[in-house]
Amino acid sequence: MPKALSSSSASSLPASYEAALAELEQLVSRLESGDMPLEQLLSGYQRGAELLKYCRDKLEAVEAQIKVLDEGTLKTWTPE
């Protein structure tokens, strides 16, 4: 049986982008399993939205830093 989301995990920020992404992937897997009660589905969806926003904000911050480093022009990255 899936464990319930605790109220502390529902409001805490992840330690890093990678931690947020891992938690989001695990949460999506649990949500897709269909084995969660309705109340847990709702709180899981809310936590997923928080994690998604956190990840997007982190990516936007990194993109802004790259623009500064590249003198205001975001360049296409090509692997060498």
N, C-alpha and C. Protein backbone atom coordinates (compact mmCIF):
# COMPACT_ATOMS: atom_id res chain seq x y z
N MET A 1 0.84 -1.17 0.00
CA MET A 1 0.00 0.00 0.00
C MET A 1 0.89 1.23 0.00
N PRO A 2 0.61 2.27 -0.86
CA PRO A 2 1.44 3.45 -0.91
C PRO A 2 1.38 4.22 0.39
N LYS A 3 2.52 4.78 0.75
CA LYS A 3 2.53 5.56 1.99
C LYS A 3 1.94 6.93 1.73
N ALA A 4 1.33 7.50 2.74
CA ALA A 4 0.69 8.80 2.63
C ALA A 4 1.75 9.89 2.58
N LEU A 5 1.41 10.97 1.88
CA LEU A 5 2.29 12.11 1.86
C LEU A 5 2.19 12.84 3.19
N SER A 6 3.31 13.10 3.80
CA SER A 6 3.26 13.81 5.08
C SER A 6 3.12 15.29 4.82
N SER A 7 2.59 16.02 5.79
CA SER A 7 2.40 17.45 5.61
C SER A 7 3.73 18.17 5.53
N SER A 8 4.78 17.64 6.16
CA SER A 8 6.08 18.29 6.07
C SER A 8 6.68 18.15 4.69
N SER A 9 6.50 17.00 4.02
CA SER A 9 7.05 16.84 2.68
C SER A 9 6.26 17.65 1.66
N ALA A 10 5.01 17.92 1.94
CA ALA A 10 4.18 18.66 1.01
C ALA A 10 4.53 20.14 1.00
N SER A 11 5.24 20.65 2.00
CA SER A 11 5.53 22.07 2.03
C SER A 11 7.02 22.37 2.00
N SER A 12 7.87 21.36 2.06
CA SER A 12 9.31 21.60 2.09
C SER A 12 9.88 21.69 0.68
N LEU A 13 10.92 22.51 0.55
CA LEU A 13 11.59 22.62 -0.74
C LEU A 13 12.63 21.52 -0.86
N PRO A 14 12.82 21.01 -2.05
CA PRO A 14 13.85 19.98 -2.26
C PRO A 14 15.24 20.57 -2.05
N ALA A 15 16.22 19.72 -1.80
CA ALA A 15 17.59 20.16 -1.57
C ALA A 15 18.25 20.64 -2.86
N SER A 16 17.80 20.11 -4.00
CA SER A 16 18.42 20.46 -5.28
C SER A 16 17.44 20.18 -6.42
N TYR A 17 17.84 20.63 -7.61
CA TYR A 17 17.04 20.34 -8.80
C TYR A 17 16.93 18.83 -9.01
N GLU A 18 18.05 18.14 -8.83
CA GLU A 18 18.08 16.69 -9.03
C GLU A 18 17.17 15.98 -8.04
N ALA A 19 17.15 16.44 -6.79
CA ALA A 19 16.28 15.85 -5.77
C ALA A 19 14.81 16.10 -6.12
N ALA A 20 14.52 17.30 -6.60
CA ALA A 20 13.14 17.63 -6.99
C ALA A 20 12.70 16.77 -8.16
N LEU A 21 13.58 16.60 -9.14
CA LEU A 21 13.24 15.79 -10.30
C LEU A 21 13.02 14.34 -9.92
N ALA A 22 13.87 13.80 -9.05
CA ALA A 22 13.71 12.42 -8.60
C ALA A 22 12.40 12.24 -7.85
N GLU A 23 12.08 13.19 -6.97
CA GLU A 23 10.82 13.10 -6.22
C GLU A 23 9.63 13.21 -7.16
N LEU A 24 9.73 14.09 -8.14
CA LEU A 24 8.65 14.26 -9.11
C LEU A 24 8.43 12.99 -9.92
N GLU A 25 9.52 12.36 -10.36
CA GLU A 25 9.39 11.11 -11.13
C GLU A 25 8.75 10.01 -10.28
N GLN A 26 9.16 9.92 -9.03
CA GLN A 26 8.58 8.91 -8.13
C GLN A 26 7.09 9.20 -7.89
N LEU A 27 6.77 10.46 -7.72
CA LEU A 27 5.38 10.85 -7.49
C LEU A 27 4.50 10.55 -8.69
N VAL A 28 5.00 10.86 -9.88
CA VAL A 28 4.24 10.57 -11.10
C VAL A 28 3.98 9.08 -11.23
N SER A 29 4.98 8.28 -10.91
CA SER A 29 4.83 6.83 -10.97
C SER A 29 3.73 6.37 -10.01
N ARG A 30 3.73 6.92 -8.81
CA ARG A 30 2.70 6.55 -7.83
C ARG A 30 1.32 7.01 -8.28
N LEU A 31 1.24 8.21 -8.84
CA LEU A 31 -0.05 8.73 -9.31
C LEU A 31 -0.59 7.89 -10.46
N GLU A 32 0.30 7.48 -11.35
CA GLU A 32 -0.12 6.69 -12.51
C GLU A 32 -0.50 5.26 -12.14
N SER A 33 -0.07 4.79 -10.98
CA SER A 33 -0.38 3.42 -10.58
C SER A 33 -1.87 3.21 -10.35
N GLY A 34 -2.56 4.28 -9.99
CA GLY A 34 -4.00 4.19 -9.74
C GLY A 34 -4.36 3.56 -8.41
N ASP A 35 -3.38 3.34 -7.54
CA ASP A 35 -3.64 2.69 -6.26
C ASP A 35 -3.78 3.67 -5.10
N MET A 36 -3.83 4.96 -5.38
CA MET A 36 -3.89 5.95 -4.31
C MET A 36 -5.34 6.38 -4.08
N PRO A 37 -5.73 6.57 -2.82
CA PRO A 37 -7.06 7.11 -2.54
C PRO A 37 -7.18 8.54 -3.08
N LEU A 38 -8.39 8.99 -3.28
CA LEU A 38 -8.66 10.29 -3.88
C LEU A 38 -7.94 11.43 -3.14
N GLU A 39 -7.98 11.43 -1.83
CA GLU A 39 -7.35 12.50 -1.05
C GLU A 39 -5.84 12.53 -1.29
N GLN A 40 -5.22 11.36 -1.36
CA GLN A 40 -3.79 11.30 -1.63
C GLN A 40 -3.48 11.71 -3.06
N LEU A 41 -4.38 11.40 -3.98
CA LEU A 41 -4.19 11.84 -5.36
C LEU A 41 -4.14 13.36 -5.44
N LEU A 42 -5.05 14.00 -4.73
CA LEU A 42 -5.10 15.46 -4.74
C LEU A 42 -3.84 16.06 -4.12
N SER A 43 -3.42 15.56 -2.98
CA SER A 43 -2.22 16.11 -2.35
C SER A 43 -0.98 15.78 -3.18
N GLY A 44 -0.96 14.62 -3.82
CA GLY A 44 0.14 14.26 -4.71
C GLY A 44 0.21 15.18 -5.92
N TYR A 45 -0.95 15.50 -6.48
CA TYR A 45 -0.99 16.41 -7.61
C TYR A 45 -0.48 17.79 -7.21
N GLN A 46 -0.90 18.25 -6.02
CA GLN A 46 -0.45 19.56 -5.54
C GLN A 46 1.06 19.58 -5.33
N ARG A 47 1.60 18.51 -4.74
CA ARG A 47 3.05 18.42 -4.53
C ARG A 47 3.77 18.37 -5.88
N GLY A 48 3.22 17.65 -6.81
CA GLY A 48 3.81 17.60 -8.15
C GLY A 48 3.86 18.97 -8.80
N ALA A 49 2.81 19.75 -8.64
CA ALA A 49 2.79 21.11 -9.19
C ALA A 49 3.86 21.97 -8.53
N GLU A 50 4.05 21.82 -7.22
CA GLU A 50 5.10 22.56 -6.51
C GLU A 50 6.49 22.16 -7.02
N LEU A 51 6.71 20.87 -7.19
CA LEU A 51 8.00 20.38 -7.67
C LEU A 51 8.27 20.84 -9.10
N LEU A 52 7.26 20.82 -9.93
CA LEU A 52 7.40 21.27 -11.31
C LEU A 52 7.77 22.75 -11.36
N LYS A 53 7.11 23.55 -10.55
CA LYS A 53 7.43 24.98 -10.48
C LYS A 53 8.86 25.19 -10.00
N TYR A 54 9.27 24.45 -8.99
CA TYR A 54 10.63 24.54 -8.47
C TYR A 54 11.64 24.23 -9.58
N CYS A 55 11.41 23.15 -10.32
CA CYS A 55 12.33 22.75 -11.40
C CYS A 55 12.37 23.81 -12.50
N ARG A 56 11.22 24.32 -12.88
CA ARG A 56 11.17 25.35 -13.92
C ARG A 56 11.90 26.60 -13.48
N ASP A 57 11.70 27.01 -12.22
CA ASP A 57 12.37 28.20 -11.69
C ASP A 57 13.88 28.02 -11.69
N LYS A 58 14.35 26.84 -11.30
CA LYS A 58 15.78 26.56 -11.30
C LYS A 58 16.35 26.62 -12.72
N LEU A 59 15.65 26.01 -13.67
CA LEU A 59 16.12 26.02 -15.06
C LEU A 59 16.14 27.44 -15.63
N GLU A 60 15.14 28.24 -15.30
CA GLU A 60 15.11 29.62 -15.77
C GLU A 60 16.26 30.42 -15.17
N ALA A 61 16.60 30.16 -13.90
CA ALA A 61 17.72 30.85 -13.25
C ALA A 61 19.04 30.49 -13.93
N VAL A 62 19.20 29.22 -14.26
CA VAL A 62 20.42 28.80 -14.94
C VAL A 62 20.49 29.42 -16.34
N GLU A 63 19.36 29.45 -17.02
CA GLU A 63 19.32 30.06 -18.35
C GLU A 63 19.71 31.53 -18.28
N ALA A 64 19.23 32.23 -17.27
CA ALA A 64 19.57 33.65 -17.10
C ALA A 64 21.07 33.81 -16.83
N GLN A 65 21.65 32.91 -16.07
CA GLN A 65 23.09 32.98 -15.82
C GLN A 65 23.88 32.73 -17.09
N ILE A 66 23.42 31.81 -17.91
CA ILE A 66 24.10 31.51 -19.18
C ILE A 66 24.03 32.72 -20.11
N LYS A 67 22.89 33.41 -20.12
CA LYS A 67 22.77 34.61 -20.95
C LYS A 67 23.79 35.66 -20.52
N VAL A 68 23.97 35.82 -19.23
CA VAL A 68 24.95 36.78 -18.73
C VAL A 68 26.35 36.37 -19.17
N LEU A 69 26.66 35.09 -19.01
CA LEU A 69 27.98 34.60 -19.39
C LEU A 69 28.23 34.73 -20.89
N ASP A 70 27.19 34.61 -21.68
CA ASP A 70 27.30 34.71 -23.14
C ASP A 70 26.96 36.11 -23.63
N GLU A 71 27.12 37.12 -22.76
CA GLU A 71 26.91 38.53 -23.10
C GLU A 71 25.51 38.81 -23.63
N GLY A 72 24.51 38.24 -22.99
CA GLY A 72 23.13 38.54 -23.31
C GLY A 72 22.52 37.75 -24.45
N THR A 73 23.26 36.89 -25.08
CA THR A 73 22.74 36.11 -26.20
C THR A 73 22.73 34.64 -25.81
N LEU A 74 21.57 34.05 -25.80
CA LEU A 74 21.48 32.62 -25.50
C LEU A 74 21.82 31.86 -26.78
N LYS A 75 22.90 31.10 -26.69
CA LYS A 75 23.38 30.36 -27.85
C LYS A 75 22.92 28.92 -27.79
N THR A 76 22.74 28.32 -28.94
CA THR A 76 22.36 26.91 -29.01
C THR A 76 23.54 26.06 -28.59
N TRP A 77 23.31 25.13 -27.69
CA TRP A 77 24.37 24.25 -27.23
C TRP A 77 24.50 23.09 -28.19
N THR A 78 25.73 22.83 -28.60
CA THR A 78 25.99 21.69 -29.46
C THR A 78 27.07 20.84 -28.81
N PRO A 79 26.81 19.55 -28.62
CA PRO A 79 27.82 18.68 -28.01
C PRO A 79 29.02 18.55 -28.94
N GLU A 80 30.18 18.45 -28.34
CA GLU A 80 31.41 18.35 -29.13
C GLU A 80 31.71 16.92 -29.50
